[in-house]
Amino acid sequence: MRTKLATIKSNLETVRTEQATMKSFVQESLFRVQKALATLTSTLAQTETETLDLNDISMTLSNPPPPADSTGNNKRSNLAILADNQASFNHTFKKVKKEKDDTLKRVKKEKDDTLKKVKEEKDDVSRSLEAREDAETCTVCLAEKRSVLFLPCCHLVCCEGCSEKVDDCPMCRKVIGSRKTVFM
């Protein structure tokens, strides 16, 4: 009988250890999610700033200052330089805009992936907690915590109120010889 009680105490300690581990896992998951969200927010803010800078550059180059020299050759030369600059700018602008769009897509994908992982972890934790609660809930009333150990079978399946109403163990149907209240 002492070995059974020792086994039950050992099992209770295991449950407590698992609860502490689960709590630590949930806290770590929450920390990782908060860190990923902060990174995504920072990247998104930086991308928006770069977009504003590109728009400012575009406006500046769209309205170039008039050439200082009014001679025909210089005007043509200046116009050719201006056209080259405009073409170079357009190429650079398209390249930077594409990089920005790619970055936004990547950030959105990372955000979606992170949110999906967070949801999966949350669901896993919820299922674990539900299973833990089910394992600790009275099998008769399904409301109170299990707190009475039946002897000689050593099953811990009922709360104190329900244990008084049964003569046979609900788990194995053996006649209950004695009852011990267990505090968890």
N, C-alpha and C. Protein backbone atom coordinates (compact mmCIF):
# COMPACT_ATOMS: atom_id res chain seq x y z
N MET A 1 0.83 -1.19 0.00
CA MET A 1 0.00 0.00 0.00
C MET A 1 0.88 1.26 0.00
N ARG A 2 1.98 1.20 0.73
CA ARG A 2 2.88 2.36 0.75
C ARG A 2 3.52 2.58 -0.61
N THR A 3 3.80 1.49 -1.30
CA THR A 3 4.40 1.65 -2.63
C THR A 3 3.40 2.29 -3.59
N LYS A 4 2.12 1.94 -3.44
CA LYS A 4 1.11 2.56 -4.29
C LYS A 4 0.99 4.05 -3.98
N LEU A 5 1.03 4.39 -2.69
CA LEU A 5 0.98 5.80 -2.31
C LEU A 5 2.22 6.54 -2.82
N ALA A 6 3.36 5.88 -2.74
CA ALA A 6 4.59 6.50 -3.25
C ALA A 6 4.49 6.70 -4.76
N THR A 7 3.91 5.72 -5.44
CA THR A 7 3.72 5.84 -6.89
C THR A 7 2.80 7.01 -7.21
N ILE A 8 1.75 7.13 -6.46
CA ILE A 8 0.80 8.24 -6.68
C ILE A 8 1.47 9.57 -6.41
N LYS A 9 2.24 9.64 -5.33
CA LYS A 9 2.96 10.89 -5.03
C LYS A 9 3.93 11.22 -6.16
N SER A 10 4.59 10.19 -6.65
CA SER A 10 5.52 10.39 -7.77
C SER A 10 4.78 10.89 -9.00
N ASN A 11 3.61 10.30 -9.26
CA ASN A 11 2.80 10.74 -10.40
C ASN A 11 2.35 12.18 -10.23
N LEU A 12 1.99 12.55 -9.01
CA LEU A 12 1.58 13.93 -8.75
C LEU A 12 2.74 14.89 -9.00
N GLU A 13 3.93 14.50 -8.57
CA GLU A 13 5.11 15.34 -8.81
C GLU A 13 5.37 15.47 -10.31
N THR A 14 5.18 14.38 -11.03
CA THR A 14 5.36 14.42 -12.49
C THR A 14 4.37 15.39 -13.12
N VAL A 15 3.12 15.34 -12.67
CA VAL A 15 2.11 16.26 -13.19
C VAL A 15 2.49 17.70 -12.89
N ARG A 16 2.96 17.96 -11.69
CA ARG A 16 3.37 19.33 -11.33
C ARG A 16 4.54 19.79 -12.20
N THR A 17 5.49 18.89 -12.43
CA THR A 17 6.64 19.22 -13.28
C THR A 17 6.18 19.52 -14.70
N GLU A 18 5.25 18.69 -15.21
CA GLU A 18 4.73 18.91 -16.56
C GLU A 18 3.99 20.24 -16.65
N GLN A 19 3.25 20.60 -15.60
CA GLN A 19 2.55 21.88 -15.59
C GLN A 19 3.55 23.03 -15.64
N ALA A 20 4.62 22.93 -14.87
CA ALA A 20 5.64 23.99 -14.88
C ALA A 20 6.30 24.07 -16.25
N THR A 21 6.57 22.92 -16.85
CA THR A 21 7.17 22.89 -18.18
C THR A 21 6.23 23.53 -19.20
N MET A 22 4.96 23.20 -19.13
CA MET A 22 3.97 23.76 -20.05
C MET A 22 3.89 25.27 -19.89
N LYS A 23 3.91 25.74 -18.66
CA LYS A 23 3.85 27.18 -18.41
C LYS A 23 5.08 27.86 -19.01
N SER A 24 6.24 27.26 -18.83
CA SER A 24 7.47 27.81 -19.39
C SER A 24 7.40 27.83 -20.92
N PHE A 25 6.87 26.76 -21.51
CA PHE A 25 6.73 26.68 -22.97
C PHE A 25 5.82 27.79 -23.49
N VAL A 26 4.71 28.02 -22.81
CA VAL A 26 3.77 29.07 -23.22
C VAL A 26 4.44 30.44 -23.13
N GLN A 27 5.19 30.68 -22.06
CA GLN A 27 5.87 31.97 -21.90
C GLN A 27 6.92 32.16 -22.99
N GLU A 28 7.68 31.12 -23.31
CA GLU A 28 8.68 31.21 -24.38
C GLU A 28 8.01 31.49 -25.72
N SER A 29 6.91 30.80 -25.99
CA SER A 29 6.20 31.00 -27.26
C SER A 29 5.71 32.44 -27.36
N LEU A 30 5.16 32.95 -26.29
CA LEU A 30 4.67 34.32 -26.28
C LEU A 30 5.81 35.30 -26.52
N PHE A 31 6.96 35.06 -25.91
CA PHE A 31 8.12 35.94 -26.10
C PHE A 31 8.57 35.93 -27.56
N ARG A 32 8.64 34.73 -28.17
CA ARG A 32 9.05 34.63 -29.58
C ARG A 32 8.07 35.35 -30.50
N VAL A 33 6.80 35.24 -30.20
CA VAL A 33 5.79 35.90 -31.02
C VAL A 33 5.92 37.41 -30.91
N GLN A 34 6.12 37.90 -29.68
CA GLN A 34 6.27 39.35 -29.49
C GLN A 34 7.51 39.86 -30.20
N LYS A 35 8.59 39.10 -30.15
CA LYS A 35 9.83 39.50 -30.82
C LYS A 35 9.64 39.53 -32.33
N ALA A 36 9.00 38.51 -32.90
CA ALA A 36 8.76 38.46 -34.34
C ALA A 36 7.85 39.60 -34.78
N LEU A 37 6.84 39.90 -33.99
CA LEU A 37 5.92 40.99 -34.31
C LEU A 37 6.64 42.33 -34.29
N ALA A 38 7.53 42.53 -33.33
CA ALA A 38 8.31 43.78 -33.26
C ALA A 38 9.21 43.91 -34.49
N THR A 39 9.84 42.83 -34.91
CA THR A 39 10.69 42.85 -36.10
C THR A 39 9.88 43.19 -37.35
N LEU A 40 8.73 42.56 -37.49
CA LEU A 40 7.89 42.83 -38.65
C LEU A 40 7.41 44.28 -38.67
N THR A 41 7.03 44.80 -37.53
CA THR A 41 6.58 46.19 -37.43
C THR A 41 7.70 47.14 -37.82
N SER A 42 8.90 46.87 -37.34
CA SER A 42 10.06 47.71 -37.66
C SER A 42 10.35 47.69 -39.16
N THR A 43 10.33 46.51 -39.76
CA THR A 43 10.60 46.38 -41.20
C THR A 43 9.54 47.12 -42.02
N LEU A 44 8.30 47.01 -41.61
CA LEU A 44 7.21 47.68 -42.31
C LEU A 44 7.37 49.20 -42.22
N ALA A 45 7.73 49.73 -41.06
CA ALA A 45 7.93 51.17 -40.90
C ALA A 45 9.09 51.64 -41.77
N GLN A 46 10.17 50.88 -41.82
CA GLN A 46 11.33 51.24 -42.63
C GLN A 46 10.95 51.26 -44.11
N THR A 47 10.17 50.30 -44.56
CA THR A 47 9.74 50.24 -45.95
C THR A 47 8.87 51.44 -46.31
N GLU A 48 7.98 51.83 -45.40
CA GLU A 48 7.13 52.99 -45.65
C GLU A 48 7.97 54.26 -45.76
N THR A 49 9.00 54.39 -44.94
CA THR A 49 9.89 55.55 -45.00
C THR A 49 10.62 55.59 -46.33
N GLU A 50 11.11 54.44 -46.79
CA GLU A 50 11.80 54.38 -48.08
C GLU A 50 10.87 54.76 -49.23
N THR A 51 9.62 54.38 -49.15
CA THR A 51 8.64 54.73 -50.17
C THR A 51 8.44 56.24 -50.23
N LEU A 52 8.33 56.87 -49.07
CA LEU A 52 8.17 58.33 -49.03
C LEU A 52 9.39 59.01 -49.64
N ASP A 53 10.60 58.53 -49.32
CA ASP A 53 11.82 59.10 -49.88
C ASP A 53 11.84 58.97 -51.40
N LEU A 54 11.44 57.83 -51.92
CA LEU A 54 11.41 57.64 -53.37
C LEU A 54 10.40 58.57 -54.04
N ASN A 55 9.28 58.79 -53.42
CA ASN A 55 8.29 59.71 -53.97
C ASN A 55 8.83 61.14 -54.00
N ASP A 56 9.57 61.54 -52.97
CA ASP A 56 10.19 62.88 -52.95
C ASP A 56 11.19 63.02 -54.09
N ILE A 57 12.02 62.00 -54.29
CA ILE A 57 13.02 62.03 -55.38
C ILE A 57 12.32 62.11 -56.73
N SER A 58 11.25 61.35 -56.89
CA SER A 58 10.51 61.36 -58.14
C SER A 58 9.95 62.74 -58.44
N MET A 59 9.39 63.40 -57.45
CA MET A 59 8.84 64.74 -57.63
C MET A 59 9.93 65.73 -58.00
N THR A 60 11.09 65.62 -57.38
CA THR A 60 12.21 66.52 -57.66
C THR A 60 12.68 66.36 -59.10
N LEU A 61 12.83 65.14 -59.55
CA LEU A 61 13.33 64.90 -60.91
C LEU A 61 12.27 65.16 -61.98
N SER A 62 11.02 65.10 -61.62
CA SER A 62 9.96 65.38 -62.58
C SER A 62 9.89 66.87 -62.91
N ASN A 63 10.34 67.72 -62.01
CA ASN A 63 10.32 69.17 -62.22
C ASN A 63 11.74 69.71 -62.16
N PRO A 64 12.56 69.47 -63.19
CA PRO A 64 13.96 69.93 -63.15
C PRO A 64 14.03 71.45 -63.28
N PRO A 65 15.10 72.06 -62.75
CA PRO A 65 15.26 73.50 -62.90
C PRO A 65 15.59 73.84 -64.36
N PRO A 66 15.25 75.04 -64.80
CA PRO A 66 15.55 75.41 -66.18
C PRO A 66 17.06 75.54 -66.37
N PRO A 67 17.57 75.27 -67.58
CA PRO A 67 19.01 75.39 -67.82
C PRO A 67 19.46 76.85 -67.69
N ALA A 68 20.69 77.03 -67.20
CA ALA A 68 21.21 78.37 -66.96
C ALA A 68 21.61 79.05 -68.27
N ASP A 69 22.13 78.32 -69.23
CA ASP A 69 22.61 78.89 -70.48
C ASP A 69 21.49 78.87 -71.52
N SER A 70 21.33 79.94 -72.26
CA SER A 70 20.23 80.02 -73.22
C SER A 70 20.67 79.81 -74.66
N THR A 71 21.89 79.39 -74.89
CA THR A 71 22.34 79.14 -76.26
C THR A 71 21.77 77.83 -76.74
N GLY A 72 21.59 77.68 -78.05
CA GLY A 72 20.97 76.50 -78.63
C GLY A 72 21.72 75.21 -78.38
N ASN A 73 23.05 75.22 -78.55
CA ASN A 73 23.84 74.00 -78.35
C ASN A 73 23.80 73.56 -76.90
N ASN A 74 23.97 74.53 -76.01
CA ASN A 74 23.93 74.18 -74.59
C ASN A 74 22.56 73.64 -74.19
N LYS A 75 21.49 74.22 -74.80
CA LYS A 75 20.15 73.73 -74.49
C LYS A 75 20.01 72.28 -74.93
N ARG A 76 20.48 71.98 -76.15
CA ARG A 76 20.39 70.60 -76.63
C ARG A 76 21.25 69.68 -75.79
N SER A 77 22.42 70.14 -75.46
CA SER A 77 23.32 69.34 -74.63
C SER A 77 22.70 69.11 -73.24
N ASN A 78 22.16 70.18 -72.69
CA ASN A 78 21.51 70.05 -71.37
C ASN A 78 20.29 69.14 -71.44
N LEU A 79 19.52 69.27 -72.54
CA LEU A 79 18.35 68.40 -72.70
C LEU A 79 18.77 66.94 -72.84
N ALA A 80 19.86 66.69 -73.55
CA ALA A 80 20.35 65.31 -73.70
C ALA A 80 20.80 64.76 -72.34
N ILE A 81 21.52 65.60 -71.60
CA ILE A 81 21.95 65.18 -70.25
C ILE A 81 20.74 64.94 -69.37
N LEU A 82 19.77 65.86 -69.46
CA LEU A 82 18.56 65.72 -68.66
C LEU A 82 17.80 64.45 -69.04
N ALA A 83 17.72 64.14 -70.32
CA ALA A 83 17.03 62.92 -70.77
C ALA A 83 17.77 61.68 -70.26
N ASP A 84 19.11 61.71 -70.31
CA ASP A 84 19.89 60.59 -69.77
C ASP A 84 19.64 60.43 -68.28
N ASN A 85 19.66 61.58 -67.58
CA ASN A 85 19.41 61.53 -66.13
C ASN A 85 18.01 61.00 -65.83
N GLN A 86 17.04 61.46 -66.62
CA GLN A 86 15.66 61.01 -66.42
C GLN A 86 15.56 59.50 -66.67
N ALA A 87 16.20 59.01 -67.73
CA ALA A 87 16.17 57.58 -68.03
C ALA A 87 16.85 56.78 -66.92
N SER A 88 17.99 57.31 -66.46
CA SER A 88 18.70 56.64 -65.36
C SER A 88 17.84 56.62 -64.10
N PHE A 89 17.21 57.77 -63.84
CA PHE A 89 16.34 57.84 -62.66
C PHE A 89 15.19 56.85 -62.78
N ASN A 90 14.53 56.83 -63.95
CA ASN A 90 13.39 55.92 -64.14
C ASN A 90 13.81 54.47 -63.92
N HIS A 91 14.97 54.11 -64.46
CA HIS A 91 15.47 52.74 -64.27
C HIS A 91 15.71 52.46 -62.78
N THR A 92 16.40 53.40 -62.11
CA THR A 92 16.69 53.23 -60.68
C THR A 92 15.40 53.21 -59.87
N PHE A 93 14.48 54.10 -60.22
CA PHE A 93 13.21 54.17 -59.49
C PHE A 93 12.44 52.86 -59.61
N LYS A 94 12.37 52.32 -60.84
CA LYS A 94 11.67 51.04 -61.04
C LYS A 94 12.34 49.92 -60.25
N LYS A 95 13.68 49.94 -60.26
CA LYS A 95 14.42 48.90 -59.53
C LYS A 95 14.14 48.99 -58.02
N VAL A 96 14.21 50.21 -57.48
CA VAL A 96 13.96 50.40 -56.05
C VAL A 96 12.51 50.08 -55.71
N LYS A 97 11.59 50.48 -56.58
CA LYS A 97 10.17 50.19 -56.35
C LYS A 97 9.93 48.68 -56.34
N LYS A 98 10.59 47.97 -57.26
CA LYS A 98 10.46 46.51 -57.29
C LYS A 98 11.02 45.90 -56.01
N GLU A 99 12.18 46.40 -55.56
CA GLU A 99 12.76 45.90 -54.31
C GLU A 99 11.82 46.16 -53.14
N LYS A 100 11.22 47.36 -53.13
CA LYS A 100 10.26 47.69 -52.07
C LYS A 100 9.07 46.74 -52.10
N ASP A 101 8.52 46.52 -53.30
CA ASP A 101 7.38 45.61 -53.43
C ASP A 101 7.75 44.19 -52.99
N ASP A 102 8.95 43.75 -53.40
CA ASP A 102 9.42 42.42 -52.98
C ASP A 102 9.56 42.34 -51.46
N THR A 103 10.11 43.42 -50.88
CA THR A 103 10.27 43.45 -49.43
C THR A 103 8.91 43.41 -48.74
N LEU A 104 7.96 44.18 -49.25
CA LEU A 104 6.61 44.17 -48.67
C LEU A 104 5.99 42.78 -48.75
N LYS A 105 6.15 42.12 -49.90
CA LYS A 105 5.61 40.76 -50.05
C LYS A 105 6.27 39.81 -49.06
N ARG A 106 7.61 39.94 -48.94
CA ARG A 106 8.34 39.06 -48.02
C ARG A 106 7.89 39.31 -46.58
N VAL A 107 7.76 40.59 -46.20
CA VAL A 107 7.34 40.93 -44.84
C VAL A 107 5.93 40.40 -44.58
N LYS A 108 5.04 40.57 -45.57
CA LYS A 108 3.67 40.08 -45.40
C LYS A 108 3.67 38.56 -45.24
N LYS A 109 4.48 37.88 -46.07
CA LYS A 109 4.55 36.42 -45.97
C LYS A 109 5.10 36.00 -44.61
N GLU A 110 6.17 36.69 -44.16
CA GLU A 110 6.74 36.37 -42.84
C GLU A 110 5.70 36.60 -41.75
N LYS A 111 4.96 37.70 -41.86
CA LYS A 111 3.93 38.00 -40.87
C LYS A 111 2.87 36.91 -40.86
N ASP A 112 2.40 36.53 -42.06
CA ASP A 112 1.38 35.48 -42.16
C ASP A 112 1.90 34.16 -41.60
N ASP A 113 3.16 33.82 -41.94
CA ASP A 113 3.76 32.58 -41.43
C ASP A 113 3.87 32.62 -39.91
N THR A 114 4.30 33.77 -39.39
CA THR A 114 4.44 33.91 -37.93
C THR A 114 3.08 33.80 -37.25
N LEU A 115 2.08 34.46 -37.81
CA LEU A 115 0.74 34.37 -37.23
C LEU A 115 0.21 32.94 -37.29
N LYS A 116 0.51 32.24 -38.38
CA LYS A 116 0.07 30.85 -38.50
C LYS A 116 0.75 29.99 -37.43
N LYS A 117 2.07 30.19 -37.25
CA LYS A 117 2.80 29.43 -36.23
C LYS A 117 2.26 29.75 -34.84
N VAL A 118 1.98 31.02 -34.58
CA VAL A 118 1.44 31.42 -33.28
C VAL A 118 0.09 30.74 -33.05
N LYS A 119 -0.75 30.74 -34.08
CA LYS A 119 -2.07 30.11 -33.94
C LYS A 119 -1.91 28.61 -33.67
N GLU A 120 -0.99 27.96 -34.39
CA GLU A 120 -0.76 26.53 -34.17
C GLU A 120 -0.26 26.27 -32.76
N GLU A 121 0.70 27.09 -32.29
CA GLU A 121 1.21 26.92 -30.93
C GLU A 121 0.11 27.16 -29.91
N LYS A 122 -0.71 28.18 -30.16
CA LYS A 122 -1.82 28.47 -29.25
C LYS A 122 -2.79 27.29 -29.20
N ASP A 123 -3.11 26.74 -30.37
CA ASP A 123 -4.00 25.58 -30.42
C ASP A 123 -3.40 24.38 -29.69
N ASP A 124 -2.09 24.15 -29.89
CA ASP A 124 -1.41 23.05 -29.19
C ASP A 124 -1.48 23.24 -27.68
N VAL A 125 -1.21 24.45 -27.23
CA VAL A 125 -1.25 24.74 -25.80
C VAL A 125 -2.67 24.57 -25.27
N SER A 126 -3.66 25.05 -26.03
CA SER A 126 -5.05 24.91 -25.61
C SER A 126 -5.44 23.44 -25.48
N ARG A 127 -5.04 22.64 -26.48
CA ARG A 127 -5.35 21.21 -26.41
C ARG A 127 -4.67 20.56 -25.21
N SER A 128 -3.42 20.94 -24.95
CA SER A 128 -2.70 20.38 -23.80
C SER A 128 -3.38 20.75 -22.50
N LEU A 129 -3.78 22.02 -22.40
CA LEU A 129 -4.45 22.46 -21.18
C LEU A 129 -5.79 21.76 -20.99
N GLU A 130 -6.54 21.59 -22.09
CA GLU A 130 -7.81 20.87 -22.00
C GLU A 130 -7.59 19.43 -21.57
N ALA A 131 -6.58 18.78 -22.14
CA ALA A 131 -6.28 17.40 -21.76
C ALA A 131 -5.88 17.33 -20.29
N ARG A 132 -5.09 18.31 -19.85
CA ARG A 132 -4.67 18.36 -18.45
C ARG A 132 -5.89 18.53 -17.54
N GLU A 133 -6.80 19.44 -17.93
CA GLU A 133 -8.00 19.66 -17.13
C GLU A 133 -8.87 18.41 -17.11
N ASP A 134 -8.98 17.74 -18.26
CA ASP A 134 -9.77 16.50 -18.32
C ASP A 134 -9.16 15.44 -17.41
N ALA A 135 -7.84 15.37 -17.36
CA ALA A 135 -7.16 14.38 -16.53
C ALA A 135 -7.34 14.67 -15.05
N GLU A 136 -7.63 15.92 -14.71
CA GLU A 136 -7.78 16.30 -13.30
C GLU A 136 -9.24 16.42 -12.88
N THR A 137 -10.19 16.24 -13.80
CA THR A 137 -11.60 16.42 -13.51
C THR A 137 -12.24 15.10 -13.07
N CYS A 138 -13.14 15.20 -12.12
CA CYS A 138 -13.88 14.04 -11.60
C CYS A 138 -14.61 13.34 -12.75
N THR A 139 -14.50 12.00 -12.80
CA THR A 139 -15.13 11.24 -13.88
C THR A 139 -16.63 11.04 -13.67
N VAL A 140 -17.11 11.39 -12.48
CA VAL A 140 -18.54 11.22 -12.20
C VAL A 140 -19.31 12.51 -12.51
N CYS A 141 -18.94 13.62 -11.86
CA CYS A 141 -19.67 14.88 -12.04
C CYS A 141 -19.09 15.75 -13.16
N LEU A 142 -17.87 15.50 -13.55
CA LEU A 142 -17.18 16.26 -14.60
C LEU A 142 -17.09 17.76 -14.29
N ALA A 143 -17.10 18.09 -12.99
CA ALA A 143 -17.04 19.50 -12.62
C ALA A 143 -15.91 19.80 -11.64
N GLU A 144 -15.76 18.98 -10.64
CA GLU A 144 -14.77 19.22 -9.58
C GLU A 144 -13.45 18.51 -9.91
N LYS A 145 -12.41 18.89 -9.17
CA LYS A 145 -11.11 18.23 -9.35
C LYS A 145 -11.11 16.89 -8.61
N ARG A 146 -10.38 15.94 -9.14
CA ARG A 146 -10.22 14.64 -8.49
C ARG A 146 -9.45 14.85 -7.19
N SER A 147 -9.95 14.25 -6.11
CA SER A 147 -9.27 14.47 -4.83
C SER A 147 -9.34 13.27 -3.89
N VAL A 148 -9.97 12.18 -4.30
CA VAL A 148 -10.10 11.02 -3.42
C VAL A 148 -9.47 9.80 -4.08
N LEU A 149 -8.58 9.16 -3.34
CA LEU A 149 -7.89 7.97 -3.80
C LEU A 149 -8.62 6.75 -3.25
N PHE A 150 -9.00 5.83 -4.15
CA PHE A 150 -9.68 4.61 -3.73
C PHE A 150 -8.65 3.53 -3.48
N LEU A 151 -8.83 2.82 -2.39
CA LEU A 151 -7.96 1.71 -2.05
C LEU A 151 -8.80 0.45 -2.03
N PRO A 152 -8.35 -0.64 -2.49
CA PRO A 152 -7.00 -1.07 -2.77
C PRO A 152 -6.55 -0.82 -4.22
N CYS A 153 -7.44 -0.33 -5.10
CA CYS A 153 -7.05 -0.21 -6.51
C CYS A 153 -6.17 1.00 -6.80
N CYS A 154 -6.15 1.97 -5.91
CA CYS A 154 -5.33 3.19 -6.03
C CYS A 154 -5.71 4.07 -7.22
N HIS A 155 -6.98 4.07 -7.60
CA HIS A 155 -7.42 4.97 -8.66
C HIS A 155 -7.82 6.31 -8.04
N LEU A 156 -7.44 7.36 -8.71
CA LEU A 156 -7.78 8.72 -8.31
C LEU A 156 -8.68 9.27 -9.40
N VAL A 157 -10.00 9.06 -9.26
CA VAL A 157 -10.92 9.39 -10.35
C VAL A 157 -12.11 10.24 -9.92
N CYS A 158 -12.30 10.48 -8.62
CA CYS A 158 -13.49 11.19 -8.15
C CYS A 158 -13.14 12.37 -7.24
N CYS A 159 -14.09 13.29 -7.17
CA CYS A 159 -13.99 14.37 -6.20
C CYS A 159 -14.55 13.86 -4.87
N GLU A 160 -14.41 14.64 -3.84
CA GLU A 160 -14.84 14.20 -2.51
C GLU A 160 -16.35 13.95 -2.47
N GLY A 161 -17.13 14.84 -3.08
CA GLY A 161 -18.59 14.68 -3.07
C GLY A 161 -19.05 13.42 -3.77
N CYS A 162 -18.49 13.14 -4.93
CA CYS A 162 -18.91 11.97 -5.71
C CYS A 162 -18.38 10.67 -5.10
N SER A 163 -17.24 10.72 -4.41
CA SER A 163 -16.67 9.50 -3.85
C SER A 163 -17.58 8.90 -2.78
N GLU A 164 -18.34 9.75 -2.11
CA GLU A 164 -19.25 9.25 -1.07
C GLU A 164 -20.47 8.56 -1.67
N LYS A 165 -20.75 8.81 -2.94
CA LYS A 165 -21.93 8.25 -3.59
C LYS A 165 -21.68 6.91 -4.27
N VAL A 166 -20.41 6.51 -4.38
CA VAL A 166 -20.10 5.26 -5.08
C VAL A 166 -19.52 4.23 -4.12
N ASP A 167 -19.87 2.96 -4.38
CA ASP A 167 -19.33 1.86 -3.57
C ASP A 167 -18.25 1.10 -4.33
N ASP A 168 -18.30 1.19 -5.66
CA ASP A 168 -17.31 0.53 -6.50
C ASP A 168 -16.52 1.60 -7.26
N CYS A 169 -15.27 1.31 -7.52
CA CYS A 169 -14.41 2.24 -8.26
C CYS A 169 -14.97 2.42 -9.67
N PRO A 170 -15.22 3.65 -10.11
CA PRO A 170 -15.76 3.87 -11.46
C PRO A 170 -14.78 3.44 -12.56
N MET A 171 -13.52 3.32 -12.24
CA MET A 171 -12.51 2.97 -13.25
C MET A 171 -12.45 1.45 -13.46
N CYS A 172 -12.30 0.70 -12.37
CA CYS A 172 -12.08 -0.75 -12.50
C CYS A 172 -13.21 -1.60 -11.92
N ARG A 173 -14.18 -0.96 -11.28
CA ARG A 173 -15.35 -1.63 -10.69
C ARG A 173 -15.01 -2.53 -9.50
N LYS A 174 -13.84 -2.35 -8.89
CA LYS A 174 -13.52 -3.10 -7.68
C LYS A 174 -14.24 -2.44 -6.51
N VAL A 175 -14.53 -3.24 -5.50
CA VAL A 175 -15.16 -2.72 -4.29
C VAL A 175 -14.16 -1.81 -3.58
N ILE A 176 -14.63 -0.66 -3.15
CA ILE A 176 -13.76 0.31 -2.49
C ILE A 176 -13.59 -0.10 -1.03
N GLY A 177 -12.35 -0.36 -0.64
CA GLY A 177 -12.06 -0.75 0.74
C GLY A 177 -11.96 0.47 1.64
N SER A 178 -11.26 1.49 1.17
CA SER A 178 -11.14 2.75 1.92
C SER A 178 -10.86 3.89 0.95
N ARG A 179 -11.00 5.09 1.48
CA ARG A 179 -10.80 6.30 0.68
C ARG A 179 -9.77 7.18 1.36
N LYS A 180 -8.93 7.81 0.58
CA LYS A 180 -7.94 8.75 1.11
C LYS A 180 -8.08 10.06 0.34
N THR A 181 -8.18 11.15 1.06
CA THR A 181 -8.24 12.46 0.41
C THR A 181 -6.82 12.88 0.03
N VAL A 182 -6.68 13.31 -1.21
CA VAL A 182 -5.38 13.71 -1.74
C VAL A 182 -5.45 15.20 -2.07
N PHE A 183 -4.42 15.94 -1.67
CA PHE A 183 -4.37 17.38 -1.96
C PHE A 183 -3.34 17.63 -3.05
N MET A 184 -3.79 18.26 -4.12
CA MET A 184 -2.88 18.55 -5.24
C MET A 184 -2.78 20.05 -5.43
